[in-house]
Amino acid sequence: MQKKDTLVGKESVRNEQKVINIVTTHVYRNTIKRLRLYSKLYTILPYDLVKSTA
């Protein structure tokens, strides 16, 4: 009985790690996408500002 419990425990830990990995990769990809968008915006914005003031 105790052996079975430890096996179940190991399985649940493994599943938790899988979920955590999926979530972290998802968040990581989204932040990279956002950073790319922001960097594009920041490269465009100063140029427009310089153009409008000049």
PDB file of N, CA and C in Angstrom:
ATOM      1  N   MET A   1       0.836  -1.204   0.000  1.00  0.00           N
ATOM      2  CA  MET A   1       0.000   0.000   0.000  1.00  0.00           C
ATOM      3  C   MET A   1       0.877   1.265   0.000  1.00  0.00           C
ATOM      4  N   GLN A   2       1.913   1.237   0.838  1.00  0.00           N
ATOM      5  CA  GLN A   2       2.752   2.432   0.929  1.00  0.00           C
ATOM      6  C   GLN A   2       3.514   2.672  -0.378  1.00  0.00           C
ATOM      7  N   LYS A   3       3.941   1.584  -1.034  1.00  0.00           N
ATOM      8  CA  LYS A   3       4.652   1.724  -2.297  1.00  0.00           C
ATOM      9  C   LYS A   3       3.778   2.424  -3.335  1.00  0.00           C
ATOM     10  N   LYS A   4       2.496   2.025  -3.367  1.00  0.00           N
ATOM     11  CA  LYS A   4       1.573   2.620  -4.325  1.00  0.00           C
ATOM     12  C   LYS A   4       1.441   4.125  -4.072  1.00  0.00           C
ATOM     13  N   ASP A   5       1.350   4.511  -2.786  1.00  0.00           N
ATOM     14  CA  ASP A   5       1.195   5.920  -2.431  1.00  0.00           C
ATOM     15  C   ASP A   5       2.385   6.743  -2.923  1.00  0.00           C
ATOM     16  N   THR A   6       3.597   6.209  -2.743  1.00  0.00           N
ATOM     17  CA  THR A   6       4.770   6.958  -3.172  1.00  0.00           C
ATOM     18  C   THR A   6       4.777   7.097  -4.692  1.00  0.00           C
ATOM     19  N   LEU A   7       4.343   6.064  -5.397  1.00  0.00           N
ATOM     20  CA  LEU A   7       4.266   6.135  -6.854  1.00  0.00           C
ATOM     21  C   LEU A   7       3.289   7.223  -7.287  1.00  0.00           C
ATOM     22  N   VAL A   8       2.115   7.241  -6.661  1.00  0.00           N
ATOM     23  CA  VAL A   8       1.113   8.255  -6.985  1.00  0.00           C
ATOM     24  C   VAL A   8       1.674   9.642  -6.697  1.00  0.00           C
ATOM     25  N   GLY A   9       2.384   9.769  -5.574  1.00  0.00           N
ATOM     26  CA  GLY A   9       2.981  11.048  -5.223  1.00  0.00           C
ATOM     27  C   GLY A   9       3.970  11.507  -6.283  1.00  0.00           C
ATOM     28  N   LYS A  10       4.818  10.587  -6.735  1.00  0.00           N
ATOM     29  CA  LYS A  10       5.793  10.919  -7.775  1.00  0.00           C
ATOM     30  C   LYS A  10       5.093  11.359  -9.056  1.00  0.00           C
ATOM     31  N   GLU A  11       4.023  10.642  -9.418  1.00  0.00           N
ATOM     32  CA  GLU A  11       3.275  10.993 -10.633  1.00  0.00           C
ATOM     33  C   GLU A  11       2.712  12.401 -10.540  1.00  0.00           C
ATOM     34  N   SER A  12       2.092  12.724  -9.398  1.00  0.00           N
ATOM     35  CA  SER A  12       1.489  14.046  -9.260  1.00  0.00           C
ATOM     36  C   SER A  12       2.570  15.126  -9.329  1.00  0.00           C
ATOM     37  N   VAL A  13       3.720  14.870  -8.713  1.00  0.00           N
ATOM     38  CA  VAL A  13       4.816  15.846  -8.772  1.00  0.00           C
ATOM     39  C   VAL A  13       5.252  16.045 -10.219  1.00  0.00           C
ATOM     40  N   ARG A  14       5.362  14.950 -10.961  1.00  0.00           N
ATOM     41  CA  ARG A  14       5.763  15.028 -12.358  1.00  0.00           C
ATOM     42  C   ARG A  14       4.761  15.854 -13.164  1.00  0.00           C
ATOM     43  N   ASN A  15       3.474  15.593 -12.928  1.00  0.00           N
ATOM     44  CA  ASN A  15       2.440  16.339 -13.639  1.00  0.00           C
ATOM     45  C   ASN A  15       2.493  17.823 -13.282  1.00  0.00           C
ATOM     46  N   GLU A  16       2.704  18.123 -12.007  1.00  0.00           N
ATOM     47  CA  GLU A  16       2.816  19.525 -11.590  1.00  0.00           C
ATOM     48  C   GLU A  16       3.976  20.200 -12.307  1.00  0.00           C
ATOM     49  N   GLN A  17       5.113  19.537 -12.386  1.00  0.00           N
ATOM     50  CA  GLN A  17       6.273  20.107 -13.066  1.00  0.00           C
ATOM     51  C   GLN A  17       5.961  20.352 -14.539  1.00  0.00           C
ATOM     52  N   LYS A  18       5.238  19.395 -15.173  1.00  0.00           N
ATOM     53  CA  LYS A  18       4.860  19.578 -16.575  1.00  0.00           C
ATOM     54  C   LYS A  18       4.024  20.821 -16.746  1.00  0.00           C
ATOM     55  N   VAL A  19       3.015  20.978 -15.876  1.00  0.00           N
ATOM     56  CA  VAL A  19       2.126  22.147 -15.948  1.00  0.00           C
ATOM     57  C   VAL A  19       2.930  23.426 -15.755  1.00  0.00           C
ATOM     58  N   ILE A  20       3.809  23.421 -14.760  1.00  0.00           N
ATOM     59  CA  ILE A  20       4.621  24.611 -14.484  1.00  0.00           C
ATOM     60  C   ILE A  20       5.479  24.951 -15.700  1.00  0.00           C
ATOM     61  N   ASN A  21       6.094  23.930 -16.314  1.00  0.00           N
ATOM     62  CA  ASN A  21       6.922  24.176 -17.495  1.00  0.00           C
ATOM     63  C   ASN A  21       6.105  24.783 -18.619  1.00  0.00           C
ATOM     64  N   ILE A  22       4.900  24.236 -18.855  1.00  0.00           N
ATOM     65  CA  ILE A  22       4.050  24.755 -19.929  1.00  0.00           C
ATOM     66  C   ILE A  22       3.700  26.213 -19.653  1.00  0.00           C
ATOM     67  N   VAL A  23       3.297  26.492 -18.421  1.00  0.00           N
ATOM     68  CA  VAL A  23       2.894  27.855 -18.059  1.00  0.00           C
ATOM     69  C   VAL A  23       4.066  28.821 -18.220  1.00  0.00           C
ATOM     70  N   THR A  24       5.242  28.422 -17.722  1.00  0.00           N
ATOM     71  CA  THR A  24       6.392  29.332 -17.793  1.00  0.00           C
ATOM     72  C   THR A  24       6.794  29.603 -19.233  1.00  0.00           C
ATOM     73  N   THR A  25       6.802  28.567 -20.080  1.00  0.00           N
ATOM     74  CA  THR A  25       7.174  28.793 -21.482  1.00  0.00           C
ATOM     75  C   THR A  25       6.160  29.704 -22.145  1.00  0.00           C
ATOM     76  N   HIS A  26       4.868  29.528 -21.835  1.00  0.00           N
ATOM     77  CA  HIS A  26       3.810  30.365 -22.410  1.00  0.00           C
ATOM     78  C   HIS A  26       4.020  31.822 -22.013  1.00  0.00           C
ATOM     79  N   VAL A  27       4.224  32.055 -20.718  1.00  0.00           N
ATOM     80  CA  VAL A  27       4.432  33.422 -20.226  1.00  0.00           C
ATOM     81  C   VAL A  27       5.683  34.018 -20.860  1.00  0.00           C
ATOM     82  N   TYR A  28       6.758  33.208 -20.934  1.00  0.00           N
ATOM     83  CA  TYR A  28       8.028  33.663 -21.496  1.00  0.00           C
ATOM     84  C   TYR A  28       7.845  34.106 -22.941  1.00  0.00           C
ATOM     85  N   ARG A  29       7.130  33.291 -23.741  1.00  0.00           N
ATOM     86  CA  ARG A  29       6.895  33.643 -25.141  1.00  0.00           C
ATOM     87  C   ARG A  29       6.092  34.921 -25.260  1.00  0.00           C
ATOM     88  N   ASN A  30       5.052  35.055 -24.424  1.00  0.00           N
ATOM     89  CA  ASN A  30       4.218  36.257 -24.476  1.00  0.00           C
ATOM     90  C   ASN A  30       5.023  37.504 -24.130  1.00  0.00           C
ATOM     91  N   THR A  31       5.880  37.411 -23.106  1.00  0.00           N
ATOM     92  CA  THR A  31       6.677  38.586 -22.729  1.00  0.00           C
ATOM     93  C   THR A  31       7.639  38.946 -23.854  1.00  0.00           C
ATOM     94  N   ILE A  32       8.218  37.945 -24.521  1.00  0.00           N
ATOM     95  CA  ILE A  32       9.127  38.230 -25.639  1.00  0.00           C
ATOM     96  C   ILE A  32       8.378  38.939 -26.755  1.00  0.00           C
ATOM     97  N   LYS A  33       7.161  38.458 -27.064  1.00  0.00           N
ATOM     98  CA  LYS A  33       6.347  39.109 -28.097  1.00  0.00           C
ATOM     99  C   LYS A  33       6.087  40.559 -27.719  1.00  0.00           C
ATOM    100  N   ARG A  34       5.714  40.785 -26.446  1.00  0.00           N
ATOM    101  CA  ARG A  34       5.422  42.140 -25.976  1.00  0.00           C
ATOM    102  C   ARG A  34       6.661  43.014 -26.061  1.00  0.00           C
ATOM    103  N   LEU A  35       7.806  42.481 -25.641  1.00  0.00           N
ATOM    104  CA  LEU A  35       9.049  43.264 -25.684  1.00  0.00           C
ATOM    105  C   LEU A  35       9.373  43.662 -27.120  1.00  0.00           C
ATOM    106  N   ARG A  36       9.181  42.731 -28.057  1.00  0.00           N
ATOM    107  CA  ARG A  36       9.437  43.055 -29.464  1.00  0.00           C
ATOM    108  C   ARG A  36       8.519  44.167 -29.925  1.00  0.00           C
ATOM    109  N   LEU A  37       7.227  44.070 -29.571  1.00  0.00           N
ATOM    110  CA  LEU A  37       6.263  45.115 -29.941  1.00  0.00           C
ATOM    111  C   LEU A  37       6.696  46.460 -29.359  1.00  0.00           C
ATOM    112  N   TYR A  38       7.040  46.465 -28.061  1.00  0.00           N
ATOM    113  CA  TYR A  38       7.431  47.706 -27.405  1.00  0.00           C
ATOM    114  C   TYR A  38       8.687  48.285 -28.050  1.00  0.00           C
ATOM    115  N   SER A  39       9.663  47.442 -28.382  1.00  0.00           N
ATOM    116  CA  SER A  39      10.889  47.946 -28.986  1.00  0.00           C
ATOM    117  C   SER A  39      10.586  48.562 -30.348  1.00  0.00           C
ATOM    118  N   LYS A  40       9.658  47.939 -31.100  1.00  0.00           N
ATOM    119  CA  LYS A  40       9.251  48.523 -32.381  1.00  0.00           C
ATOM    120  C   LYS A  40       8.629  49.888 -32.155  1.00  0.00           C
ATOM    121  N   LEU A  41       7.713  49.963 -31.173  1.00  0.00           N
ATOM    122  CA  LEU A  41       7.042  51.229 -30.874  1.00  0.00           C
ATOM    123  C   LEU A  41       8.069  52.288 -30.472  1.00  0.00           C
ATOM    124  N   TYR A  42       9.016  51.909 -29.619  1.00  0.00           N
ATOM    125  CA  TYR A  42       9.991  52.882 -29.140  1.00  0.00           C
ATOM    126  C   TYR A  42      10.944  53.326 -30.237  1.00  0.00           C
ATOM    127  N   THR A  43      11.185  52.486 -31.243  1.00  0.00           N
ATOM    128  CA  THR A  43      12.051  52.930 -32.327  1.00  0.00           C
ATOM    129  C   THR A  43      11.288  53.850 -33.268  1.00  0.00           C
ATOM    130  N   ILE A  44       9.960  53.645 -33.382  1.00  0.00           N
ATOM    131  CA  ILE A  44       9.152  54.491 -34.267  1.00  0.00           C
ATOM    132  C   ILE A  44       8.845  55.832 -33.594  1.00  0.00           C
ATOM    133  N   LEU A  45       8.467  55.787 -32.298  1.00  0.00           N
ATOM    134  CA  LEU A  45       8.024  56.997 -31.598  1.00  0.00           C
ATOM    135  C   LEU A  45       9.058  58.127 -31.603  1.00  0.00           C
ATOM    136  N   PRO A  46      10.295  57.904 -31.153  1.00  0.00           N
ATOM    137  CA  PRO A  46      11.264  59.009 -31.127  1.00  0.00           C
ATOM    138  C   PRO A  46      11.454  59.620 -32.508  1.00  0.00           C
ATOM    139  N   TYR A  47      11.445  58.795 -33.544  1.00  0.00           N
ATOM    140  CA  TYR A  47      11.607  59.288 -34.917  1.00  0.00           C
ATOM    141  C   TYR A  47      10.484  60.264 -35.262  1.00  0.00           C
ATOM    142  N   ASP A  48       9.234  59.879 -34.951  1.00  0.00           N
ATOM    143  CA  ASP A  48       8.093  60.752 -35.211  1.00  0.00           C
ATOM    144  C   ASP A  48       8.201  62.040 -34.399  1.00  0.00           C
ATOM    145  N   LEU A  49       8.630  61.930 -33.143  1.00  0.00           N
ATOM    146  CA  LEU A  49       8.764  63.112 -32.293  1.00  0.00           C
ATOM    147  C   LEU A  49       9.794  64.066 -32.876  1.00  0.00           C
ATOM    148  N   VAL A  50      10.916  63.512 -33.297  1.00  0.00           N
ATOM    149  CA  VAL A  50      11.980  64.339 -33.879  1.00  0.00           C
ATOM    150  C   VAL A  50      11.469  65.020 -35.146  1.00  0.00           C
ATOM    151  N   LYS A  51      10.738  64.283 -35.959  1.00  0.00           N
ATOM    152  CA  LYS A  51      10.204  64.832 -37.215  1.00  0.00           C
ATOM    153  C   LYS A  51       9.239  65.975 -36.938  1.00  0.00           C
ATOM    154  N   SER A  52       8.344  65.801 -35.931  1.00  0.00           N
ATOM    155  CA  SER A  52       7.323  66.812 -35.669  1.00  0.00           C
ATOM    156  C   SER A  52       7.943  68.078 -35.066  1.00  0.00           C
ATOM    157  N   THR A  53       9.004  67.929 -34.269  1.00  0.00           N
ATOM    158  CA  THR A  53       9.602  69.108 -33.645  1.00  0.00           C
ATOM    159  C   THR A  53      10.542  69.831 -34.616  1.00  0.00           C
ATOM    160  N   ALA A  54      11.164  69.106 -35.533  1.00  0.00           N
ATOM    161  CA  ALA A  54      12.139  69.712 -36.447  1.00  0.00           C
ATOM    162  C   ALA A  54      11.452  70.577 -37.502  1.00  0.00           C
TER     163      ALA A  54
END
